């Protein structure tokens, strides 16, 4: 990726890509993204050498936003893995409800295998602290025997997606949302914890 000096234009391009990918999928041409962003098509390539770079950048921007949120949640300072996992769960659900397009596009990019190996490697690096917490929990025997980190992550991903979709469908807010988040987490935790 090139160094970006004009952040407003980059932000416009990223926002346009986010909206168009959410509405139309990944087949949207770069010319359409540039037009919606209000810039010339050639301008897009000043920020992203190709569409793959745009896709990867959008994904990594979202992932960095999420890890910042996790860090702010206090999960790293939690008394135990269960508390840390709950703080991560809650902060992610709240973020996803406030950012449904980002959540949708992040899932689209992951499920469509649209990310470059470099972007996947960078994403793993971004989330290494969270993975280390899970690995430590596995070593301490906090999870059901036989469950590996990837299985735990996949179960968490599936159940949190259901929790988010249900909260959106029922327009949950306030105490009802808090209860829903806690209940969703309990279903997940009882399924994986020893």
N, C-alpha and C. Protein backbone atom coordinates (compact mmCIF):
# COMPACT_ATOMS: atom_id res chain seq x y z
N UNK A 1 0.83 -1.18 0.00
CA UNK A 1 0.00 0.00 0.00
C UNK A 1 0.87 1.24 0.00
N UNK A 2 0.45 2.27 -0.72
CA UNK A 2 1.18 3.52 -0.74
C UNK A 2 0.87 4.31 0.51
N UNK A 3 1.78 5.19 0.87
CA UNK A 3 1.55 6.09 2.00
C UNK A 3 0.45 7.07 1.59
N UNK A 4 -0.51 7.26 2.46
CA UNK A 4 -1.62 8.14 2.16
C UNK A 4 -1.38 9.50 2.79
N UNK A 5 -1.43 10.56 1.98
CA UNK A 5 -1.23 11.89 2.52
C UNK A 5 -2.53 12.67 2.59
N UNK A 6 -3.50 12.32 1.80
CA UNK A 6 -4.78 13.01 1.78
C UNK A 6 -5.83 12.08 2.38
N UNK A 7 -5.90 12.04 3.71
CA UNK A 7 -6.79 11.12 4.41
C UNK A 7 -8.27 11.32 4.07
N UNK A 8 -8.77 12.54 3.88
CA UNK A 8 -10.20 12.66 3.55
C UNK A 8 -10.59 11.91 2.27
N UNK A 9 -9.76 11.97 1.23
CA UNK A 9 -10.08 11.24 0.00
C UNK A 9 -10.01 9.74 0.22
N UNK A 10 -9.01 9.30 0.95
CA UNK A 10 -8.89 7.87 1.26
C UNK A 10 -10.13 7.42 2.04
N UNK A 11 -10.53 8.21 3.01
CA UNK A 11 -11.73 7.88 3.80
C UNK A 11 -12.97 7.84 2.93
N UNK A 12 -13.09 8.77 1.99
CA UNK A 12 -14.23 8.77 1.07
C UNK A 12 -14.25 7.49 0.24
N UNK A 13 -13.10 7.08 -0.25
CA UNK A 13 -12.99 5.86 -1.05
C UNK A 13 -13.34 4.63 -0.22
N UNK A 14 -12.84 4.58 1.01
CA UNK A 14 -13.12 3.44 1.87
C UNK A 14 -14.61 3.38 2.21
N UNK A 15 -15.22 4.52 2.49
CA UNK A 15 -16.65 4.56 2.82
C UNK A 15 -17.48 4.12 1.60
N UNK A 16 -17.12 4.61 0.42
CA UNK A 16 -17.84 4.21 -0.79
C UNK A 16 -17.71 2.72 -1.04
N UNK A 17 -16.51 2.17 -0.87
CA UNK A 17 -16.31 0.73 -1.06
C UNK A 17 -17.15 -0.05 -0.05
N UNK A 18 -17.14 0.39 1.19
CA UNK A 18 -17.92 -0.27 2.23
C UNK A 18 -19.41 -0.32 1.85
N UNK A 19 -19.96 0.82 1.48
CA UNK A 19 -21.38 0.89 1.14
C UNK A 19 -21.71 0.06 -0.10
N UNK A 20 -20.86 0.14 -1.11
CA UNK A 20 -21.13 -0.59 -2.35
C UNK A 20 -20.95 -2.10 -2.17
N UNK A 21 -19.92 -2.52 -1.44
CA UNK A 21 -19.73 -3.95 -1.19
C UNK A 21 -20.90 -4.49 -0.38
N UNK A 22 -21.37 -3.73 0.60
CA UNK A 22 -22.50 -4.19 1.42
C UNK A 22 -23.76 -4.34 0.57
N UNK A 23 -23.97 -3.42 -0.36
CA UNK A 23 -25.19 -3.43 -1.18
C UNK A 23 -25.10 -4.38 -2.37
N UNK A 24 -23.91 -4.52 -2.96
CA UNK A 24 -23.80 -5.21 -4.25
C UNK A 24 -22.80 -6.35 -4.30
N UNK A 25 -22.08 -6.60 -3.23
CA UNK A 25 -21.06 -7.63 -3.26
C UNK A 25 -19.74 -7.10 -3.80
N UNK A 26 -18.81 -7.99 -4.00
CA UNK A 26 -17.44 -7.59 -4.35
C UNK A 26 -17.21 -7.33 -5.83
N UNK A 27 -18.20 -7.58 -6.66
CA UNK A 27 -18.01 -7.40 -8.10
C UNK A 27 -18.10 -5.94 -8.53
N UNK A 28 -18.30 -5.04 -7.61
CA UNK A 28 -18.41 -3.61 -7.93
C UNK A 28 -17.10 -3.14 -8.57
N UNK A 29 -17.18 -2.49 -9.74
CA UNK A 29 -15.95 -2.01 -10.37
C UNK A 29 -15.35 -0.81 -9.63
N UNK A 30 -14.05 -0.64 -9.74
CA UNK A 30 -13.38 0.48 -9.08
C UNK A 30 -13.90 1.82 -9.57
N UNK A 31 -14.31 1.89 -10.85
CA UNK A 31 -14.84 3.15 -11.38
C UNK A 31 -16.10 3.57 -10.63
N UNK A 32 -16.93 2.62 -10.27
CA UNK A 32 -18.16 2.90 -9.51
C UNK A 32 -17.79 3.38 -8.10
N UNK A 33 -16.81 2.74 -7.48
CA UNK A 33 -16.36 3.14 -6.14
C UNK A 33 -15.86 4.58 -6.17
N UNK A 34 -15.04 4.89 -7.17
CA UNK A 34 -14.51 6.25 -7.30
C UNK A 34 -15.64 7.25 -7.52
N UNK A 35 -16.60 6.91 -8.37
CA UNK A 35 -17.71 7.82 -8.65
C UNK A 35 -18.53 8.11 -7.40
N UNK A 36 -18.84 7.06 -6.64
CA UNK A 36 -19.61 7.24 -5.41
C UNK A 36 -18.81 8.06 -4.39
N UNK A 37 -17.49 7.90 -4.39
CA UNK A 37 -16.64 8.66 -3.49
C UNK A 37 -16.46 10.11 -3.94
N UNK A 38 -16.86 10.38 -5.19
CA UNK A 38 -16.74 11.74 -5.72
C UNK A 38 -15.34 12.10 -6.17
N UNK A 39 -14.59 11.09 -6.61
CA UNK A 39 -13.24 11.34 -7.11
C UNK A 39 -13.09 10.67 -8.48
N UNK A 40 -12.07 11.07 -9.21
CA UNK A 40 -11.79 10.46 -10.50
C UNK A 40 -11.29 9.03 -10.28
N UNK A 41 -11.56 8.16 -11.24
CA UNK A 41 -11.14 6.76 -11.12
C UNK A 41 -9.63 6.65 -10.89
N UNK A 42 -8.87 7.48 -11.58
CA UNK A 42 -7.42 7.46 -11.42
C UNK A 42 -6.99 7.82 -10.01
N UNK A 43 -7.78 8.65 -9.35
CA UNK A 43 -7.46 9.05 -7.97
C UNK A 43 -7.48 7.84 -7.05
N UNK A 44 -8.41 6.92 -7.28
CA UNK A 44 -8.48 5.72 -6.46
C UNK A 44 -7.14 4.99 -6.48
N UNK A 45 -6.51 4.94 -7.65
CA UNK A 45 -5.27 4.21 -7.77
C UNK A 45 -4.07 4.96 -7.18
N UNK A 46 -4.26 6.22 -6.81
CA UNK A 46 -3.22 6.93 -6.05
C UNK A 46 -3.16 6.41 -4.62
N UNK A 47 -4.26 5.86 -4.15
CA UNK A 47 -4.36 5.36 -2.78
C UNK A 47 -4.25 3.85 -2.69
N UNK A 48 -4.75 3.18 -3.72
CA UNK A 48 -4.78 1.72 -3.75
C UNK A 48 -4.32 1.28 -5.14
N UNK A 49 -3.16 0.64 -5.23
CA UNK A 49 -2.62 0.26 -6.54
C UNK A 49 -3.56 -0.62 -7.36
N UNK A 50 -4.41 -1.38 -6.69
CA UNK A 50 -5.35 -2.25 -7.39
C UNK A 50 -6.54 -2.54 -6.45
N UNK A 51 -7.52 -3.20 -6.97
CA UNK A 51 -8.72 -3.48 -6.18
C UNK A 51 -8.41 -4.38 -4.99
N UNK A 52 -7.50 -5.32 -5.15
CA UNK A 52 -7.14 -6.20 -4.05
C UNK A 52 -6.59 -5.39 -2.88
N UNK A 53 -5.79 -4.40 -3.18
CA UNK A 53 -5.23 -3.55 -2.13
C UNK A 53 -6.35 -2.78 -1.41
N UNK A 54 -7.35 -2.33 -2.15
CA UNK A 54 -8.50 -1.65 -1.55
C UNK A 54 -9.26 -2.61 -0.63
N UNK A 55 -9.53 -3.81 -1.11
CA UNK A 55 -10.24 -4.82 -0.32
C UNK A 55 -9.46 -5.14 0.96
N UNK A 56 -8.16 -5.39 0.82
CA UNK A 56 -7.34 -5.71 1.98
C UNK A 56 -7.29 -4.55 2.97
N UNK A 57 -7.15 -3.33 2.45
CA UNK A 57 -7.09 -2.15 3.31
C UNK A 57 -8.38 -1.95 4.08
N UNK A 58 -9.49 -2.15 3.42
CA UNK A 58 -10.78 -2.01 4.09
C UNK A 58 -10.91 -3.03 5.22
N UNK A 59 -10.57 -4.26 4.94
CA UNK A 59 -10.63 -5.32 5.93
C UNK A 59 -9.71 -5.03 7.12
N UNK A 60 -8.49 -4.64 6.84
CA UNK A 60 -7.53 -4.39 7.92
C UNK A 60 -7.90 -3.16 8.74
N UNK A 61 -8.48 -2.16 8.10
CA UNK A 61 -8.97 -1.00 8.85
C UNK A 61 -10.05 -1.42 9.84
N UNK A 62 -10.96 -2.27 9.39
CA UNK A 62 -12.02 -2.77 10.27
C UNK A 62 -11.42 -3.60 11.40
N UNK A 63 -10.50 -4.48 11.08
CA UNK A 63 -9.87 -5.32 12.10
C UNK A 63 -9.12 -4.48 13.13
N UNK A 64 -8.43 -3.44 12.69
CA UNK A 64 -7.72 -2.56 13.62
C UNK A 64 -8.70 -1.81 14.52
N UNK A 65 -9.83 -1.41 13.97
CA UNK A 65 -10.87 -0.76 14.77
C UNK A 65 -11.37 -1.70 15.85
N UNK A 66 -11.56 -2.96 15.49
CA UNK A 66 -12.07 -3.95 16.45
C UNK A 66 -11.03 -4.23 17.54
N UNK A 67 -9.77 -4.40 17.18
CA UNK A 67 -8.78 -4.70 18.22
C UNK A 67 -8.60 -3.50 19.14
N UNK A 68 -8.70 -2.29 18.62
CA UNK A 68 -8.66 -1.11 19.49
C UNK A 68 -9.80 -1.15 20.49
N UNK A 69 -10.96 -1.55 20.02
CA UNK A 69 -12.13 -1.68 20.88
C UNK A 69 -11.89 -2.72 21.96
N UNK A 70 -11.33 -3.86 21.58
CA UNK A 70 -11.02 -4.91 22.55
C UNK A 70 -10.04 -4.40 23.60
N UNK A 71 -9.03 -3.67 23.16
CA UNK A 71 -8.04 -3.14 24.09
C UNK A 71 -8.68 -2.15 25.07
N UNK A 72 -9.61 -1.35 24.56
CA UNK A 72 -10.31 -0.39 25.41
C UNK A 72 -11.29 -1.07 26.37
N UNK A 73 -11.71 -2.28 26.05
CA UNK A 73 -12.71 -2.98 26.88
C UNK A 73 -12.15 -3.42 28.23
N UNK A 74 -10.85 -3.48 28.35
CA UNK A 74 -10.23 -3.95 29.59
C UNK A 74 -10.01 -5.45 29.63
N UNK A 75 -10.24 -6.13 28.52
CA UNK A 75 -10.11 -7.59 28.49
C UNK A 75 -8.70 -8.05 28.87
N UNK A 76 -7.69 -7.28 28.52
CA UNK A 76 -6.31 -7.68 28.84
C UNK A 76 -6.05 -7.66 30.35
N UNK A 77 -6.84 -6.87 31.07
CA UNK A 77 -6.64 -6.74 32.52
C UNK A 77 -7.67 -7.54 33.33
N UNK A 78 -8.50 -8.30 32.65
CA UNK A 78 -9.55 -9.05 33.34
C UNK A 78 -8.95 -10.08 34.28
N UNK A 79 -9.71 -10.42 35.31
CA UNK A 79 -9.23 -11.34 36.35
C UNK A 79 -9.05 -12.76 35.84
N UNK A 80 -9.84 -13.15 34.85
CA UNK A 80 -9.75 -14.52 34.33
C UNK A 80 -10.20 -14.55 32.87
N UNK A 81 -10.02 -15.68 32.25
CA UNK A 81 -10.34 -15.82 30.83
C UNK A 81 -11.83 -15.63 30.56
N UNK A 82 -12.68 -16.11 31.45
CA UNK A 82 -14.12 -15.96 31.26
C UNK A 82 -14.50 -14.48 31.22
N UNK A 83 -13.99 -13.71 32.16
CA UNK A 83 -14.29 -12.27 32.20
C UNK A 83 -13.74 -11.56 30.97
N UNK A 84 -12.51 -11.92 30.58
CA UNK A 84 -11.91 -11.32 29.39
C UNK A 84 -12.74 -11.65 28.15
N UNK A 85 -13.17 -12.90 28.05
CA UNK A 85 -13.97 -13.32 26.89
C UNK A 85 -15.31 -12.59 26.86
N UNK A 86 -15.91 -12.38 28.02
CA UNK A 86 -17.18 -11.64 28.07
C UNK A 86 -16.98 -10.19 27.63
N UNK A 87 -15.92 -9.55 28.09
CA UNK A 87 -15.68 -8.16 27.70
C UNK A 87 -15.47 -8.05 26.19
N UNK A 88 -14.76 -9.01 25.61
CA UNK A 88 -14.56 -9.02 24.16
C UNK A 88 -15.89 -9.25 23.46
N UNK A 89 -16.65 -10.22 23.92
CA UNK A 89 -17.97 -10.53 23.34
C UNK A 89 -18.85 -9.30 23.35
N UNK A 90 -18.99 -8.70 24.52
CA UNK A 90 -19.89 -7.54 24.68
C UNK A 90 -19.44 -6.38 23.80
N UNK A 91 -18.16 -6.06 23.83
CA UNK A 91 -17.69 -4.92 23.04
C UNK A 91 -17.89 -5.17 21.54
N UNK A 92 -17.71 -6.42 21.10
CA UNK A 92 -17.89 -6.71 19.68
C UNK A 92 -19.36 -6.62 19.28
N UNK A 93 -20.26 -7.15 20.10
CA UNK A 93 -21.69 -7.07 19.77
C UNK A 93 -22.13 -5.62 19.70
N UNK A 94 -21.74 -4.83 20.68
CA UNK A 94 -22.12 -3.40 20.69
C UNK A 94 -21.55 -2.70 19.45
N UNK A 95 -20.28 -2.99 19.12
CA UNK A 95 -19.67 -2.41 17.93
C UNK A 95 -20.43 -2.82 16.67
N UNK A 96 -20.75 -4.10 16.53
CA UNK A 96 -21.43 -4.60 15.33
C UNK A 96 -22.81 -3.96 15.18
N UNK A 97 -23.51 -3.76 16.28
CA UNK A 97 -24.83 -3.13 16.21
C UNK A 97 -24.72 -1.67 15.79
N UNK A 98 -23.63 -1.02 16.19
CA UNK A 98 -23.41 0.38 15.82
C UNK A 98 -22.82 0.51 14.42
N UNK A 99 -22.24 -0.57 13.90
CA UNK A 99 -21.55 -0.55 12.60
C UNK A 99 -21.98 -1.74 11.73
N UNK A 100 -23.27 -1.84 11.42
CA UNK A 100 -23.73 -3.04 10.69
C UNK A 100 -23.10 -3.22 9.31
N UNK A 101 -22.79 -2.12 8.62
CA UNK A 101 -22.16 -2.28 7.30
C UNK A 101 -20.75 -2.85 7.43
N UNK A 102 -20.01 -2.37 8.41
CA UNK A 102 -18.66 -2.90 8.61
C UNK A 102 -18.70 -4.37 8.98
N UNK A 103 -19.63 -4.73 9.84
CA UNK A 103 -19.78 -6.14 10.23
C UNK A 103 -20.13 -6.99 9.01
N UNK A 104 -21.08 -6.50 8.22
CA UNK A 104 -21.51 -7.24 7.03
C UNK A 104 -20.37 -7.42 6.04
N UNK A 105 -19.64 -6.34 5.77
CA UNK A 105 -18.56 -6.41 4.78
C UNK A 105 -17.39 -7.24 5.30
N UNK A 106 -17.08 -7.14 6.59
CA UNK A 106 -16.02 -7.97 7.15
C UNK A 106 -16.35 -9.45 6.94
N UNK A 107 -17.59 -9.83 7.24
CA UNK A 107 -18.01 -11.22 7.03
C UNK A 107 -17.97 -11.60 5.56
N UNK A 108 -18.41 -10.70 4.70
CA UNK A 108 -18.39 -10.95 3.26
C UNK A 108 -16.96 -11.22 2.79
N UNK A 109 -16.04 -10.37 3.20
CA UNK A 109 -14.65 -10.52 2.76
C UNK A 109 -14.04 -11.83 3.26
N UNK A 110 -14.36 -12.20 4.49
CA UNK A 110 -13.82 -13.46 5.03
C UNK A 110 -14.46 -14.66 4.34
N UNK A 111 -15.77 -14.65 4.18
CA UNK A 111 -16.47 -15.80 3.62
C UNK A 111 -16.26 -15.97 2.13
N UNK A 112 -15.94 -14.89 1.43
CA UNK A 112 -15.72 -14.97 -0.02
C UNK A 112 -14.28 -15.30 -0.36
N UNK A 113 -13.46 -15.54 0.66
CA UNK A 113 -12.04 -15.79 0.42
C UNK A 113 -11.43 -14.72 -0.47
N UNK A 114 -11.79 -13.47 -0.20
CA UNK A 114 -11.38 -12.35 -1.03
C UNK A 114 -10.11 -11.67 -0.56
N UNK A 115 -9.53 -12.16 0.51
CA UNK A 115 -8.38 -11.49 1.11
C UNK A 115 -7.07 -12.12 0.65
N UNK A 116 -6.08 -11.27 0.48
CA UNK A 116 -4.76 -11.77 0.08
C UNK A 116 -4.11 -12.49 1.27
N UNK A 117 -3.16 -13.37 0.98
CA UNK A 117 -2.42 -14.03 2.08
C UNK A 117 -1.75 -13.01 3.00
N UNK A 118 -1.27 -11.90 2.43
CA UNK A 118 -0.63 -10.87 3.25
C UNK A 118 -1.61 -10.24 4.22
N UNK A 119 -2.84 -9.97 3.76
CA UNK A 119 -3.86 -9.37 4.64
C UNK A 119 -4.25 -10.35 5.74
N UNK A 120 -4.37 -11.62 5.41
CA UNK A 120 -4.70 -12.61 6.42
C UNK A 120 -3.59 -12.71 7.47
N UNK A 121 -2.34 -12.63 7.02
CA UNK A 121 -1.22 -12.69 7.95
C UNK A 121 -1.21 -11.45 8.85
N UNK A 122 -1.50 -10.29 8.29
CA UNK A 122 -1.55 -9.07 9.10
C UNK A 122 -2.70 -9.14 10.11
N UNK A 123 -3.82 -9.70 9.69
CA UNK A 123 -4.97 -9.84 10.60
C UNK A 123 -4.61 -10.76 11.76
N UNK A 124 -3.93 -11.86 11.48
CA UNK A 124 -3.47 -12.76 12.54
C UNK A 124 -2.57 -12.04 13.51
N UNK A 125 -1.70 -11.20 12.98
CA UNK A 125 -0.78 -10.44 13.83
C UNK A 125 -1.54 -9.45 14.71
N UNK A 126 -2.53 -8.79 14.14
CA UNK A 126 -3.34 -7.83 14.90
C UNK A 126 -4.02 -8.51 16.08
N UNK A 127 -4.52 -9.72 15.86
CA UNK A 127 -5.28 -10.42 16.89
C UNK A 127 -4.45 -11.42 17.70
N UNK A 128 -3.13 -11.37 17.56
CA UNK A 128 -2.27 -12.29 18.30
C UNK A 128 -2.48 -12.21 19.81
N UNK A 129 -2.65 -11.02 20.42
CA UNK A 129 -2.87 -10.98 21.87
C UNK A 129 -4.14 -11.73 22.31
N UNK A 130 -5.20 -11.65 21.53
CA UNK A 130 -6.44 -12.36 21.85
C UNK A 130 -6.20 -13.86 21.74
N UNK A 131 -5.51 -14.26 20.70
CA UNK A 131 -5.22 -15.69 20.51
C UNK A 131 -4.35 -16.22 21.65
N UNK A 132 -3.39 -15.43 22.10
CA UNK A 132 -2.52 -15.86 23.20
C UNK A 132 -3.33 -16.08 24.47
N UNK A 133 -4.34 -15.23 24.72
CA UNK A 133 -5.21 -15.43 25.88
C UNK A 133 -5.93 -16.77 25.78
N UNK A 134 -6.44 -17.08 24.59
CA UNK A 134 -7.13 -18.36 24.40
C UNK A 134 -6.16 -19.54 24.56
N UNK A 135 -4.99 -19.42 23.99
CA UNK A 135 -3.99 -20.50 24.12
C UNK A 135 -3.65 -20.75 25.58
N UNK A 136 -3.51 -19.68 26.35
CA UNK A 136 -3.22 -19.83 27.78
C UNK A 136 -4.39 -20.53 28.48
N UNK A 137 -5.62 -20.21 28.10
CA UNK A 137 -6.80 -20.87 28.67
C UNK A 137 -6.84 -22.35 28.34
N UNK A 138 -6.46 -22.69 27.12
CA UNK A 138 -6.41 -24.10 26.73
C UNK A 138 -5.37 -24.83 27.58
N UNK A 139 -4.20 -24.23 27.74
CA UNK A 139 -3.12 -24.86 28.54
C UNK A 139 -3.54 -25.04 30.00
N UNK A 140 -4.32 -24.09 30.52
CA UNK A 140 -4.78 -24.20 31.91
C UNK A 140 -5.96 -25.14 32.07
N UNK A 141 -6.46 -25.67 30.95
CA UNK A 141 -7.58 -26.60 31.01
C UNK A 141 -8.93 -25.94 31.22
N UNK A 142 -9.07 -24.68 30.79
CA UNK A 142 -10.32 -23.96 31.00
C UNK A 142 -11.39 -24.30 29.96
N UNK A 143 -10.99 -24.98 28.91
CA UNK A 143 -11.93 -25.37 27.86
C UNK A 143 -12.12 -26.88 27.88
N UNK A 144 -13.21 -27.33 27.31
CA UNK A 144 -13.46 -28.76 27.20
C UNK A 144 -12.29 -29.43 26.49
N UNK A 145 -11.91 -30.59 26.95
CA UNK A 145 -10.78 -31.26 26.33
C UNK A 145 -11.13 -31.63 24.90
N UNK A 146 -10.15 -31.57 24.06
CA UNK A 146 -10.34 -31.89 22.66
C UNK A 146 -10.67 -30.69 21.79
N UNK A 147 -11.01 -29.56 22.42
CA UNK A 147 -11.30 -28.36 21.63
C UNK A 147 -10.01 -27.60 21.36
N UNK A 148 -9.74 -27.37 20.09
CA UNK A 148 -8.58 -26.56 19.72
C UNK A 148 -8.99 -25.10 19.59
N UNK A 149 -8.01 -24.25 19.49
CA UNK A 149 -8.25 -22.80 19.39
C UNK A 149 -9.14 -22.48 18.19
N UNK A 150 -8.88 -23.10 17.05
CA UNK A 150 -9.67 -22.79 15.86
C UNK A 150 -11.14 -23.18 16.05
N UNK A 151 -11.38 -24.33 16.68
CA UNK A 151 -12.77 -24.74 16.94
C UNK A 151 -13.46 -23.76 17.88
N UNK A 152 -12.75 -23.36 18.91
CA UNK A 152 -13.32 -22.40 19.87
C UNK A 152 -13.65 -21.09 19.16
N UNK A 153 -12.74 -20.61 18.33
CA UNK A 153 -12.97 -19.36 17.59
C UNK A 153 -14.14 -19.48 16.62
N UNK A 154 -14.25 -20.62 15.96
CA UNK A 154 -15.36 -20.81 15.01
C UNK A 154 -16.70 -20.86 15.73
N UNK A 155 -16.75 -21.54 16.87
CA UNK A 155 -17.99 -21.58 17.65
C UNK A 155 -18.36 -20.19 18.14
N UNK A 156 -17.37 -19.48 18.62
CA UNK A 156 -17.62 -18.12 19.10
C UNK A 156 -18.13 -17.26 17.95
N UNK A 157 -17.48 -17.35 16.79
CA UNK A 157 -17.89 -16.56 15.63
C UNK A 157 -19.32 -16.86 15.21
N UNK A 158 -19.68 -18.13 15.19
CA UNK A 158 -21.04 -18.51 14.78
C UNK A 158 -22.08 -18.00 15.77
N UNK A 159 -21.82 -18.20 17.06
CA UNK A 159 -22.80 -17.79 18.07
C UNK A 159 -22.90 -16.27 18.21
N UNK A 160 -21.79 -15.58 18.06
CA UNK A 160 -21.86 -14.12 18.16
C UNK A 160 -22.59 -13.53 16.96
N UNK A 161 -22.45 -14.17 15.80
CA UNK A 161 -23.19 -13.73 14.61
C UNK A 161 -24.69 -13.89 14.83
N UNK A 162 -25.10 -14.99 15.43
CA UNK A 162 -26.51 -15.21 15.75
C UNK A 162 -26.99 -14.16 16.76
N UNK A 163 -26.19 -13.91 17.76
CA UNK A 163 -26.53 -12.91 18.79
C UNK A 163 -26.73 -11.53 18.16
N UNK A 164 -25.85 -11.14 17.27
CA UNK A 164 -25.93 -9.84 16.61
C UNK A 164 -27.16 -9.78 15.71
N UNK A 165 -27.36 -10.81 14.90
CA UNK A 165 -28.51 -10.82 13.98
C UNK A 165 -29.83 -10.75 14.74
N UNK A 166 -29.93 -11.48 15.83
CA UNK A 166 -31.16 -11.47 16.61
C UNK A 166 -31.39 -10.11 17.26
N UNK A 167 -30.34 -9.51 17.79
CA UNK A 167 -30.45 -8.17 18.40
C UNK A 167 -30.90 -7.15 17.36
N UNK A 168 -30.36 -7.24 16.15
CA UNK A 168 -30.77 -6.33 15.08
C UNK A 168 -32.23 -6.57 14.67
N UNK A 169 -32.58 -7.83 14.50
CA UNK A 169 -33.94 -8.17 14.06
C UNK A 169 -34.99 -7.72 15.06
N UNK A 170 -34.65 -7.78 16.34
CA UNK A 170 -35.61 -7.40 17.38
C UNK A 170 -35.41 -5.98 17.88
N UNK A 171 -34.47 -5.24 17.26
CA UNK A 171 -34.19 -3.85 17.64
C UNK A 171 -33.99 -3.70 19.15
N UNK A 172 -33.20 -4.58 19.72
CA UNK A 172 -33.00 -4.57 21.17
C UNK A 172 -32.17 -3.36 21.60
N UNK A 173 -32.55 -2.81 22.73
CA UNK A 173 -31.84 -1.66 23.29
C UNK A 173 -31.88 -1.77 24.81
N UNK A 174 -31.05 -0.97 25.46
CA UNK A 174 -31.08 -0.87 26.91
C UNK A 174 -30.92 -2.19 27.63
N UNK A 175 -31.76 -2.39 28.64
CA UNK A 175 -31.68 -3.58 29.49
C UNK A 175 -31.92 -4.86 28.68
N UNK A 176 -32.84 -4.80 27.73
CA UNK A 176 -33.11 -5.99 26.90
C UNK A 176 -31.87 -6.39 26.11
N UNK A 177 -31.13 -5.42 25.61
CA UNK A 177 -29.91 -5.71 24.87
C UNK A 177 -28.84 -6.26 25.81
N UNK A 178 -28.69 -5.67 26.98
CA UNK A 178 -27.71 -6.15 27.96
C UNK A 178 -27.99 -7.62 28.31
N UNK A 179 -29.26 -7.92 28.56
CA UNK A 179 -29.64 -9.30 28.90
C UNK A 179 -29.34 -10.24 27.73
N UNK A 180 -29.65 -9.79 26.53
CA UNK A 180 -29.42 -10.59 25.32
C UNK A 180 -27.92 -10.88 25.14
N UNK A 181 -27.09 -9.87 25.34
CA UNK A 181 -25.64 -10.04 25.20
C UNK A 181 -25.13 -11.04 26.22
N UNK A 182 -25.57 -10.90 27.45
CA UNK A 182 -25.13 -11.80 28.53
C UNK A 182 -25.61 -13.23 28.27
N UNK A 183 -26.86 -13.38 27.86
CA UNK A 183 -27.40 -14.71 27.58
C UNK A 183 -26.65 -15.37 26.42
N UNK A 184 -26.42 -14.61 25.35
CA UNK A 184 -25.67 -15.14 24.21
C UNK A 184 -24.29 -15.60 24.62
N UNK A 185 -23.63 -14.81 25.44
CA UNK A 185 -22.29 -15.20 25.91
C UNK A 185 -22.37 -16.46 26.76
N UNK A 186 -23.36 -16.56 27.64
CA UNK A 186 -23.49 -17.74 28.49
C UNK A 186 -23.68 -19.01 27.66
N UNK A 187 -24.47 -18.91 26.60
CA UNK A 187 -24.67 -20.06 25.71
C UNK A 187 -23.32 -20.49 25.12
N UNK A 188 -22.56 -19.51 24.64
CA UNK A 188 -21.23 -19.80 24.09
C UNK A 188 -20.32 -20.41 25.16
N UNK A 189 -20.22 -19.74 26.31
CA UNK A 189 -19.25 -20.17 27.33
C UNK A 189 -19.56 -21.56 27.86
N UNK A 190 -20.85 -21.83 28.08
CA UNK A 190 -21.22 -23.18 28.57
C UNK A 190 -20.91 -24.24 27.54
N UNK A 191 -20.89 -23.87 26.28
CA UNK A 191 -20.59 -24.82 25.22
C UNK A 191 -19.11 -25.17 25.08
N UNK A 192 -18.24 -24.27 25.58
CA UNK A 192 -16.81 -24.51 25.38
C UNK A 192 -16.02 -24.66 26.67
N UNK A 193 -16.56 -24.15 27.77
CA UNK A 193 -15.78 -24.14 29.01
C UNK A 193 -15.88 -25.47 29.74
N UNK A 194 -14.87 -25.76 30.48
CA UNK A 194 -14.84 -26.99 31.27
C UNK A 194 -15.67 -26.80 32.52
